Amino acid sequence: MEVDMKKVIFIAGLPGVGKSTFAKNIAKKINGVILDIDEIKKQIVNPELVSSTIDPPEVRWRCYEKAAEQIADLFKQGVQTVVVDEVFHLQSLRQNLEDICVNNGALVSWIEVRCPTDAIVNRLHENGGRDGHILTTDETLKMNKLFGPIFEQFPEDKLNYTTFVNDGSLDMKDFNV
């Protein structure tokens, strides 16, 4: 008898590279549920700070702890796969969150969405379609520049990690989860 494994797919990457759209596409493709960390941030982080600075690691960790609780609740409700969309710029916080999920019996995967050029990031946001996002288009582009220099790369030997290069089309036909 095969037992269905609980899965968490973390979608990481700089602001504005298409993570949310990618997460929605993945969730639809695999019948997963999206957990939006922006909704958690709205409860924890001062809205004026969200659009002007990067919150300190201890504040970001509070959001991730809340996310871990919500993931566990979704699993208790019978959800098999949760897709989580966030910058996830600090390796130590990524690892702590992964450890919590694994200790709760989940298989964890990381997908980093990247854009090869700033021109693509800008083009993705030309129409301003940021419905449901915590940041406006201009704020997103500003935060992309702030996060860029401090985004910690994933370890090269991380087995449960892959990248998706968003050329602007988010064509996932050849991308397998």
N, C-alpha and C. Protein backbone atom coordinates (compact mmCIF):
# COMPACT_ATOMS: atom_id res chain seq x y z
N MET A 1 0.85 -1.19 0.00
CA MET A 1 0.00 0.00 0.00
C MET A 1 0.89 1.24 0.00
N GLU A 2 0.67 2.10 -0.97
CA GLU A 2 1.49 3.32 -1.09
C GLU A 2 0.88 4.43 -0.24
N VAL A 3 1.70 5.07 0.57
CA VAL A 3 1.26 6.18 1.42
C VAL A 3 1.61 7.49 0.72
N ASP A 4 0.63 8.38 0.63
CA ASP A 4 0.91 9.68 0.03
C ASP A 4 1.79 10.50 0.96
N MET A 5 2.85 11.05 0.40
CA MET A 5 3.81 11.84 1.16
C MET A 5 3.37 13.30 1.15
N LYS A 6 3.42 13.93 2.31
CA LYS A 6 3.16 15.36 2.39
C LYS A 6 4.35 16.08 1.76
N LYS A 7 4.06 17.11 0.98
CA LYS A 7 5.12 17.83 0.28
C LYS A 7 4.97 19.33 0.49
N VAL A 8 6.13 19.99 0.62
CA VAL A 8 6.18 21.45 0.65
C VAL A 8 7.15 21.87 -0.45
N ILE A 9 6.66 22.75 -1.31
CA ILE A 9 7.50 23.30 -2.38
C ILE A 9 7.67 24.78 -2.08
N PHE A 10 8.90 25.15 -1.76
CA PHE A 10 9.20 26.56 -1.48
C PHE A 10 9.68 27.22 -2.78
N ILE A 11 9.04 28.33 -3.13
CA ILE A 11 9.41 29.10 -4.31
C ILE A 11 10.16 30.33 -3.81
N ALA A 12 11.45 30.43 -4.15
CA ALA A 12 12.31 31.50 -3.67
C ALA A 12 12.77 32.37 -4.83
N GLY A 13 13.26 33.55 -4.50
CA GLY A 13 13.83 34.43 -5.52
C GLY A 13 13.60 35.89 -5.19
N LEU A 14 14.28 36.73 -5.92
CA LEU A 14 14.19 38.17 -5.69
C LEU A 14 12.77 38.68 -5.96
N PRO A 15 12.41 39.80 -5.33
CA PRO A 15 11.10 40.39 -5.61
C PRO A 15 10.95 40.72 -7.10
N GLY A 16 9.79 40.41 -7.64
CA GLY A 16 9.47 40.81 -8.99
C GLY A 16 9.91 39.89 -10.10
N VAL A 17 10.44 38.70 -9.78
CA VAL A 17 10.93 37.80 -10.84
C VAL A 17 9.86 36.83 -11.35
N GLY A 18 8.67 36.88 -10.77
CA GLY A 18 7.59 36.01 -11.21
C GLY A 18 7.29 34.85 -10.29
N LYS A 19 7.73 34.93 -9.03
CA LYS A 19 7.52 33.83 -8.09
C LYS A 19 6.04 33.51 -7.88
N SER A 20 5.22 34.54 -7.69
CA SER A 20 3.80 34.31 -7.41
C SER A 20 3.09 33.65 -8.58
N THR A 21 3.36 34.12 -9.77
CA THR A 21 2.75 33.52 -10.96
C THR A 21 3.24 32.08 -11.12
N PHE A 22 4.54 31.88 -10.90
CA PHE A 22 5.11 30.54 -10.98
C PHE A 22 4.46 29.63 -9.94
N ALA A 23 4.31 30.13 -8.70
CA ALA A 23 3.70 29.34 -7.63
C ALA A 23 2.27 28.94 -8.00
N LYS A 24 1.51 29.88 -8.55
CA LYS A 24 0.14 29.57 -8.97
C LYS A 24 0.14 28.50 -10.05
N ASN A 25 1.04 28.61 -11.01
CA ASN A 25 1.12 27.62 -12.09
C ASN A 25 1.50 26.24 -11.56
N ILE A 26 2.47 26.21 -10.64
CA ILE A 26 2.88 24.92 -10.05
C ILE A 26 1.72 24.32 -9.26
N ALA A 27 1.09 25.12 -8.42
CA ALA A 27 -0.01 24.62 -7.59
C ALA A 27 -1.12 24.04 -8.47
N LYS A 28 -1.43 24.72 -9.54
CA LYS A 28 -2.47 24.23 -10.46
C LYS A 28 -2.04 22.92 -11.12
N LYS A 29 -0.79 22.87 -11.54
CA LYS A 29 -0.25 21.69 -12.24
C LYS A 29 -0.28 20.44 -11.36
N ILE A 30 -0.02 20.61 -10.06
CA ILE A 30 0.10 19.45 -9.16
C ILE A 30 -1.03 19.35 -8.14
N ASN A 31 -2.05 20.21 -8.29
CA ASN A 31 -3.18 20.22 -7.36
C ASN A 31 -2.72 20.53 -5.92
N GLY A 32 -1.85 21.53 -5.80
CA GLY A 32 -1.37 21.96 -4.50
C GLY A 32 -2.11 23.18 -4.00
N VAL A 33 -1.88 23.51 -2.75
CA VAL A 33 -2.48 24.70 -2.13
C VAL A 33 -1.37 25.73 -1.92
N ILE A 34 -1.65 26.98 -2.25
CA ILE A 34 -0.67 28.05 -2.08
C ILE A 34 -0.79 28.65 -0.69
N LEU A 35 0.35 28.82 -0.04
CA LEU A 35 0.43 29.57 1.21
C LEU A 35 1.15 30.86 0.90
N ASP A 36 0.46 31.97 1.05
CA ASP A 36 0.99 33.28 0.71
C ASP A 36 1.59 33.94 1.96
N ILE A 37 2.89 34.02 2.02
CA ILE A 37 3.55 34.62 3.19
C ILE A 37 3.26 36.12 3.26
N ASP A 38 2.91 36.76 2.13
CA ASP A 38 2.51 38.17 2.18
C ASP A 38 1.33 38.37 3.13
N GLU A 39 0.40 37.41 3.16
CA GLU A 39 -0.74 37.52 4.07
C GLU A 39 -0.28 37.48 5.53
N ILE A 40 0.72 36.69 5.82
CA ILE A 40 1.27 36.63 7.18
C ILE A 40 1.98 37.94 7.50
N LYS A 41 2.75 38.46 6.54
CA LYS A 41 3.47 39.72 6.76
C LYS A 41 2.51 40.87 7.08
N LYS A 42 1.34 40.86 6.44
CA LYS A 42 0.36 41.92 6.68
C LYS A 42 -0.06 41.95 8.15
N GLN A 43 0.01 40.82 8.82
CA GLN A 43 -0.36 40.73 10.23
C GLN A 43 0.79 41.07 11.17
N ILE A 44 2.02 40.88 10.73
CA ILE A 44 3.19 40.98 11.61
C ILE A 44 4.03 42.23 11.39
N VAL A 45 4.18 42.65 10.13
CA VAL A 45 5.13 43.71 9.79
C VAL A 45 4.39 45.02 9.52
N ASN A 46 4.94 46.10 10.05
CA ASN A 46 4.40 47.44 9.80
C ASN A 46 4.37 47.68 8.29
N PRO A 47 3.19 48.00 7.72
CA PRO A 47 3.07 48.17 6.27
C PRO A 47 4.02 49.23 5.68
N GLU A 48 4.32 50.26 6.44
CA GLU A 48 5.24 51.29 5.95
C GLU A 48 6.66 50.75 5.81
N LEU A 49 7.04 49.81 6.65
CA LEU A 49 8.38 49.24 6.59
C LEU A 49 8.51 48.22 5.46
N VAL A 50 7.42 47.51 5.15
CA VAL A 50 7.46 46.47 4.13
C VAL A 50 7.92 47.03 2.79
N SER A 51 7.52 48.26 2.48
CA SER A 51 7.82 48.82 1.17
C SER A 51 9.08 49.68 1.15
N SER A 52 9.75 49.83 2.30
CA SER A 52 10.90 50.73 2.33
C SER A 52 12.20 50.07 2.78
N THR A 53 12.11 48.94 3.45
CA THR A 53 13.31 48.31 3.99
C THR A 53 13.10 46.80 4.09
N ILE A 54 14.17 46.08 4.26
CA ILE A 54 14.09 44.63 4.46
C ILE A 54 13.97 44.39 5.96
N ASP A 55 12.91 43.66 6.35
CA ASP A 55 12.73 43.44 7.77
C ASP A 55 13.86 42.59 8.32
N PRO A 56 14.19 42.82 9.59
CA PRO A 56 15.31 42.08 10.20
C PRO A 56 15.01 40.58 10.27
N PRO A 57 16.07 39.76 10.33
CA PRO A 57 15.89 38.30 10.33
C PRO A 57 14.91 37.79 11.40
N GLU A 58 14.91 38.40 12.59
CA GLU A 58 14.02 37.90 13.63
C GLU A 58 12.55 38.13 13.28
N VAL A 59 12.26 39.22 12.58
CA VAL A 59 10.89 39.48 12.14
C VAL A 59 10.53 38.53 11.00
N ARG A 60 11.43 38.36 10.07
CA ARG A 60 11.20 37.44 8.95
C ARG A 60 10.98 36.03 9.51
N TRP A 61 11.75 35.64 10.52
CA TRP A 61 11.60 34.30 11.10
C TRP A 61 10.23 34.13 11.73
N ARG A 62 9.69 35.19 12.36
CA ARG A 62 8.33 35.10 12.93
C ARG A 62 7.32 34.77 11.83
N CYS A 63 7.49 35.36 10.66
CA CYS A 63 6.62 35.06 9.52
C CYS A 63 6.77 33.60 9.11
N TYR A 64 8.00 33.11 9.09
CA TYR A 64 8.25 31.73 8.69
C TYR A 64 7.71 30.74 9.71
N GLU A 65 7.81 31.08 10.99
CA GLU A 65 7.24 30.21 12.04
C GLU A 65 5.72 30.11 11.86
N LYS A 66 5.10 31.23 11.58
CA LYS A 66 3.66 31.26 11.34
C LYS A 66 3.33 30.42 10.10
N ALA A 67 4.16 30.53 9.07
CA ALA A 67 3.96 29.73 7.87
C ALA A 67 4.05 28.24 8.19
N ALA A 68 5.03 27.85 9.00
CA ALA A 68 5.19 26.44 9.37
C ALA A 68 3.94 25.94 10.10
N GLU A 69 3.38 26.77 10.96
CA GLU A 69 2.14 26.40 11.67
C GLU A 69 0.99 26.20 10.67
N GLN A 70 0.90 27.11 9.70
CA GLN A 70 -0.18 27.01 8.71
C GLN A 70 0.01 25.80 7.80
N ILE A 71 1.26 25.48 7.47
CA ILE A 71 1.54 24.29 6.67
C ILE A 71 1.06 23.05 7.44
N ALA A 72 1.41 22.96 8.72
CA ALA A 72 0.98 21.82 9.55
C ALA A 72 -0.55 21.74 9.60
N ASP A 73 -1.21 22.88 9.73
CA ASP A 73 -2.68 22.90 9.76
C ASP A 73 -3.26 22.41 8.43
N LEU A 74 -2.67 22.83 7.33
CA LEU A 74 -3.15 22.38 6.02
C LEU A 74 -3.00 20.87 5.87
N PHE A 75 -1.88 20.33 6.34
CA PHE A 75 -1.68 18.88 6.29
C PHE A 75 -2.74 18.16 7.14
N LYS A 76 -3.05 18.72 8.31
CA LYS A 76 -4.08 18.11 9.17
C LYS A 76 -5.44 18.11 8.49
N GLN A 77 -5.67 19.10 7.62
CA GLN A 77 -6.93 19.20 6.88
C GLN A 77 -6.97 18.27 5.67
N GLY A 78 -5.86 17.55 5.43
CA GLY A 78 -5.83 16.61 4.33
C GLY A 78 -5.13 17.08 3.08
N VAL A 79 -4.61 18.30 3.09
CA VAL A 79 -3.85 18.80 1.95
C VAL A 79 -2.57 17.99 1.84
N GLN A 80 -2.21 17.59 0.64
CA GLN A 80 -0.99 16.79 0.42
C GLN A 80 0.21 17.64 0.03
N THR A 81 -0.02 18.74 -0.72
CA THR A 81 1.08 19.55 -1.21
C THR A 81 0.80 21.02 -0.97
N VAL A 82 1.78 21.70 -0.34
CA VAL A 82 1.68 23.14 -0.09
C VAL A 82 2.80 23.83 -0.86
N VAL A 83 2.44 24.89 -1.57
CA VAL A 83 3.40 25.69 -2.33
C VAL A 83 3.52 27.04 -1.64
N VAL A 84 4.75 27.40 -1.25
CA VAL A 84 4.99 28.62 -0.47
C VAL A 84 5.87 29.56 -1.29
N ASP A 85 5.40 30.80 -1.42
CA ASP A 85 6.04 31.82 -2.25
C ASP A 85 6.61 32.92 -1.35
N GLU A 86 7.94 33.15 -1.46
CA GLU A 86 8.60 34.15 -0.61
C GLU A 86 10.00 34.39 -1.16
N VAL A 87 10.62 35.50 -0.79
CA VAL A 87 11.99 35.78 -1.21
C VAL A 87 12.95 34.72 -0.67
N PHE A 88 12.84 34.39 0.60
CA PHE A 88 13.72 33.40 1.25
C PHE A 88 15.18 33.72 0.97
N HIS A 89 15.61 34.90 1.35
CA HIS A 89 16.95 35.37 1.00
C HIS A 89 18.06 34.90 1.92
N LEU A 90 17.73 34.41 3.12
CA LEU A 90 18.76 34.00 4.07
C LEU A 90 18.82 32.48 4.22
N GLN A 91 19.98 31.93 3.97
CA GLN A 91 20.17 30.48 4.01
C GLN A 91 19.82 29.89 5.38
N SER A 92 20.23 30.54 6.46
CA SER A 92 19.97 29.98 7.79
C SER A 92 18.46 29.87 8.06
N LEU A 93 17.70 30.87 7.65
CA LEU A 93 16.25 30.81 7.86
C LEU A 93 15.60 29.79 6.95
N ARG A 94 16.09 29.67 5.72
CA ARG A 94 15.58 28.63 4.82
C ARG A 94 15.78 27.25 5.44
N GLN A 95 17.00 27.02 5.96
CA GLN A 95 17.32 25.71 6.53
C GLN A 95 16.48 25.43 7.77
N ASN A 96 16.29 26.43 8.62
CA ASN A 96 15.46 26.23 9.82
C ASN A 96 14.02 25.87 9.45
N LEU A 97 13.48 26.56 8.45
CA LEU A 97 12.12 26.28 8.02
C LEU A 97 12.02 24.88 7.39
N GLU A 98 13.01 24.54 6.57
CA GLU A 98 13.04 23.21 5.97
C GLU A 98 13.10 22.14 7.06
N ASP A 99 13.94 22.33 8.07
CA ASP A 99 14.07 21.35 9.15
C ASP A 99 12.74 21.13 9.87
N ILE A 100 12.00 22.20 10.12
CA ILE A 100 10.69 22.07 10.78
C ILE A 100 9.76 21.22 9.93
N CYS A 101 9.72 21.50 8.63
CA CYS A 101 8.83 20.75 7.74
C CYS A 101 9.23 19.28 7.65
N VAL A 102 10.53 19.02 7.51
CA VAL A 102 11.01 17.64 7.44
C VAL A 102 10.71 16.91 8.75
N ASN A 103 10.93 17.56 9.89
CA ASN A 103 10.64 16.94 11.19
C ASN A 103 9.16 16.65 11.37
N ASN A 104 8.31 17.35 10.60
CA ASN A 104 6.87 17.08 10.63
C ASN A 104 6.44 16.11 9.53
N GLY A 105 7.43 15.44 8.92
CA GLY A 105 7.13 14.38 7.98
C GLY A 105 6.92 14.80 6.54
N ALA A 106 7.33 15.99 6.17
CA ALA A 106 7.12 16.47 4.81
C ALA A 106 8.39 16.33 3.97
N LEU A 107 8.18 16.07 2.70
CA LEU A 107 9.24 16.10 1.70
C LEU A 107 9.33 17.56 1.24
N VAL A 108 10.53 18.13 1.24
CA VAL A 108 10.70 19.55 0.91
C VAL A 108 11.49 19.71 -0.38
N SER A 109 11.00 20.61 -1.24
CA SER A 109 11.71 21.00 -2.45
C SER A 109 11.82 22.52 -2.50
N TRP A 110 12.93 22.98 -3.05
CA TRP A 110 13.16 24.42 -3.25
C TRP A 110 13.28 24.69 -4.74
N ILE A 111 12.57 25.70 -5.21
CA ILE A 111 12.72 26.16 -6.58
C ILE A 111 13.02 27.65 -6.53
N GLU A 112 14.16 28.02 -7.07
CA GLU A 112 14.50 29.45 -7.14
C GLU A 112 14.14 29.97 -8.53
N VAL A 113 13.30 30.99 -8.56
CA VAL A 113 12.93 31.63 -9.82
C VAL A 113 13.90 32.78 -10.04
N ARG A 114 14.48 32.80 -11.22
CA ARG A 114 15.44 33.86 -11.57
C ARG A 114 15.03 34.51 -12.88
N CYS A 115 15.37 35.77 -13.02
CA CYS A 115 15.24 36.48 -14.30
C CYS A 115 16.65 36.80 -14.76
N PRO A 116 16.95 36.52 -16.04
CA PRO A 116 18.32 36.74 -16.50
C PRO A 116 18.72 38.21 -16.60
N THR A 117 17.75 39.12 -16.71
CA THR A 117 18.11 40.53 -16.83
C THR A 117 17.10 41.41 -16.12
N ASP A 118 17.55 42.61 -15.74
CA ASP A 118 16.64 43.59 -15.16
C ASP A 118 15.56 43.99 -16.15
N ALA A 119 15.89 43.97 -17.44
CA ALA A 119 14.92 44.36 -18.46
C ALA A 119 13.69 43.46 -18.40
N ILE A 120 13.90 42.17 -18.14
CA ILE A 120 12.76 41.25 -18.04
C ILE A 120 11.95 41.56 -16.79
N VAL A 121 12.62 41.80 -15.66
CA VAL A 121 11.90 42.16 -14.44
C VAL A 121 11.06 43.40 -14.69
N ASN A 122 11.65 44.41 -15.33
CA ASN A 122 10.90 45.63 -15.63
C ASN A 122 9.73 45.34 -16.56
N ARG A 123 9.94 44.52 -17.59
CA ARG A 123 8.88 44.20 -18.54
C ARG A 123 7.75 43.43 -17.85
N LEU A 124 8.10 42.55 -16.91
CA LEU A 124 7.08 41.79 -16.20
C LEU A 124 6.12 42.70 -15.44
N HIS A 125 6.61 43.89 -15.11
CA HIS A 125 5.80 44.78 -14.27
C HIS A 125 5.33 46.04 -14.99
N GLU A 126 5.54 46.11 -16.30
CA GLU A 126 5.12 47.28 -17.06
C GLU A 126 3.62 47.53 -16.94
N ASN A 127 2.83 46.46 -16.92
CA ASN A 127 1.38 46.61 -16.85
C ASN A 127 0.88 46.85 -15.43
N GLY A 128 1.77 46.74 -14.45
CA GLY A 128 1.41 47.03 -13.07
C GLY A 128 0.49 46.02 -12.42
N GLY A 129 0.33 44.85 -12.98
CA GLY A 129 -0.58 43.85 -12.44
C GLY A 129 -0.06 43.21 -11.17
N ARG A 130 -0.28 43.84 -10.04
CA ARG A 130 0.22 43.32 -8.77
C ARG A 130 -0.94 43.02 -7.82
N ASP A 131 -2.07 42.60 -8.34
CA ASP A 131 -3.23 42.28 -7.50
C ASP A 131 -2.86 41.26 -6.44
N GLY A 132 -3.24 41.56 -5.21
CA GLY A 132 -3.00 40.65 -4.11
C GLY A 132 -1.61 40.71 -3.51
N HIS A 133 -0.72 41.50 -4.10
CA HIS A 133 0.63 41.60 -3.58
C HIS A 133 0.71 42.70 -2.53
N ILE A 134 1.66 42.54 -1.66
CA ILE A 134 1.86 43.50 -0.58
C ILE A 134 2.55 44.77 -1.08
N LEU A 135 3.24 44.68 -2.21
CA LEU A 135 3.99 45.81 -2.77
C LEU A 135 3.43 46.24 -4.12
N THR A 136 3.51 47.54 -4.40
CA THR A 136 3.19 48.04 -5.73
C THR A 136 4.32 47.66 -6.68
N THR A 137 4.11 47.92 -7.96
CA THR A 137 5.15 47.62 -8.95
C THR A 137 6.42 48.40 -8.65
N ASP A 138 6.31 49.71 -8.39
CA ASP A 138 7.50 50.52 -8.11
C ASP A 138 8.22 50.04 -6.85
N GLU A 139 7.45 49.69 -5.82
CA GLU A 139 8.06 49.19 -4.59
C GLU A 139 8.75 47.85 -4.82
N THR A 140 8.15 47.01 -5.64
CA THR A 140 8.75 45.71 -5.96
C THR A 140 10.09 45.88 -6.65
N LEU A 141 10.15 46.77 -7.61
CA LEU A 141 11.41 47.00 -8.33
C LEU A 141 12.47 47.56 -7.38
N LYS A 142 12.05 48.43 -6.47
CA LYS A 142 12.98 48.98 -5.47
C LYS A 142 13.49 47.86 -4.54
N MET A 143 12.59 47.01 -4.09
CA MET A 143 12.99 45.92 -3.18
C MET A 143 13.86 44.90 -3.90
N ASN A 144 13.64 44.71 -5.20
CA ASN A 144 14.50 43.82 -5.98
C ASN A 144 15.94 44.29 -5.89
N LYS A 145 16.14 45.59 -6.00
CA LYS A 145 17.50 46.16 -5.92
C LYS A 145 18.09 46.03 -4.50
N LEU A 146 17.23 46.16 -3.48
CA LEU A 146 17.72 46.04 -2.10
C LEU A 146 18.11 44.60 -1.77
N PHE A 147 17.30 43.64 -2.21
CA PHE A 147 17.56 42.24 -1.88
C PHE A 147 18.71 41.65 -2.69
N GLY A 148 18.91 42.14 -3.91
CA GLY A 148 19.91 41.56 -4.81
C GLY A 148 21.26 41.30 -4.15
N PRO A 149 21.87 42.32 -3.53
CA PRO A 149 23.21 42.12 -2.96
C PRO A 149 23.26 41.22 -1.72
N ILE A 150 22.12 41.01 -1.06
CA ILE A 150 22.16 40.22 0.18
C ILE A 150 21.51 38.85 0.03
N PHE A 151 21.00 38.53 -1.16
CA PHE A 151 20.38 37.22 -1.38
C PHE A 151 21.47 36.15 -1.34
N GLU A 152 21.38 35.25 -0.37
CA GLU A 152 22.38 34.20 -0.21
C GLU A 152 22.06 33.04 -1.16
N GLN A 153 23.04 32.68 -1.96
CA GLN A 153 22.86 31.60 -2.92
C GLN A 153 22.64 30.27 -2.21
N PHE A 154 21.87 29.43 -2.84
CA PHE A 154 21.67 28.08 -2.32
C PHE A 154 22.98 27.31 -2.47
N PRO A 155 23.27 26.39 -1.55
CA PRO A 155 24.48 25.57 -1.68
C PRO A 155 24.45 24.79 -2.99
N GLU A 156 25.58 24.73 -3.66
CA GLU A 156 25.66 24.06 -4.97
C GLU A 156 25.31 22.58 -4.88
N ASP A 157 25.53 21.96 -3.73
CA ASP A 157 25.30 20.53 -3.60
C ASP A 157 23.93 20.19 -2.99
N LYS A 158 23.04 21.18 -2.89
CA LYS A 158 21.73 20.94 -2.30
C LYS A 158 20.89 20.08 -3.25
N LEU A 159 20.53 18.89 -2.80
CA LEU A 159 19.87 17.92 -3.66
C LEU A 159 18.41 18.26 -3.94
N ASN A 160 17.73 18.93 -3.02
CA ASN A 160 16.30 19.22 -3.19
C ASN A 160 16.07 20.63 -3.72
N TYR A 161 16.99 21.11 -4.54
CA TYR A 161 16.95 22.48 -5.05
C TYR A 161 17.10 22.49 -6.57
N THR A 162 16.32 23.33 -7.21
CA THR A 162 16.46 23.55 -8.65
C THR A 162 16.14 25.01 -8.96
N THR A 163 16.47 25.43 -10.16
CA THR A 163 16.15 26.80 -10.57
C THR A 163 15.20 26.77 -11.75
N PHE A 164 14.45 27.84 -11.87
CA PHE A 164 13.62 28.08 -13.04
C PHE A 164 13.99 29.46 -13.54
N VAL A 165 14.48 29.55 -14.76
CA VAL A 165 14.85 30.83 -15.33
C VAL A 165 13.64 31.38 -16.08
N ASN A 166 13.13 32.49 -15.57
CA ASN A 166 11.96 33.13 -16.16
C ASN A 166 12.41 34.11 -17.23
N ASP A 167 12.17 33.72 -18.47
CA ASP A 167 12.53 34.59 -19.59
C ASP A 167 11.43 35.58 -19.91
N GLY A 168 10.40 35.60 -19.08
CA GLY A 168 9.26 36.49 -19.29
C GLY A 168 8.01 35.75 -19.71
N SER A 169 8.16 34.50 -20.11
CA SER A 169 6.99 33.75 -20.59
C SER A 169 6.41 32.84 -19.51
N LEU A 170 7.19 32.48 -18.52
CA LEU A 170 6.81 31.49 -17.50
C LEU A 170 6.28 30.21 -18.14
N ASP A 171 6.91 29.83 -19.24
CA ASP A 171 6.55 28.60 -19.94
C ASP A 171 7.07 27.41 -19.13
N MET A 172 6.13 26.64 -18.58
CA MET A 172 6.49 25.54 -17.69
C MET A 172 6.30 24.17 -18.33
N LYS A 173 6.05 24.12 -19.64
CA LYS A 173 5.72 22.83 -20.25
C LYS A 173 6.82 21.79 -20.06
N ASP A 174 8.07 22.21 -20.01
CA ASP A 174 9.16 21.26 -19.85
C ASP A 174 9.70 21.22 -18.42
N PHE A 175 9.00 21.90 -17.49
CA PHE A 175 9.46 21.94 -16.10
C PHE A 175 8.67 20.93 -15.30
N ASN A 176 9.38 19.98 -14.68
CA ASN A 176 8.74 18.96 -13.86
C ASN A 176 9.03 19.21 -12.40
N VAL A 177 7.99 19.02 -11.61
CA VAL A 177 8.11 19.21 -10.17
C VAL A 177 8.34 17.87 -9.50
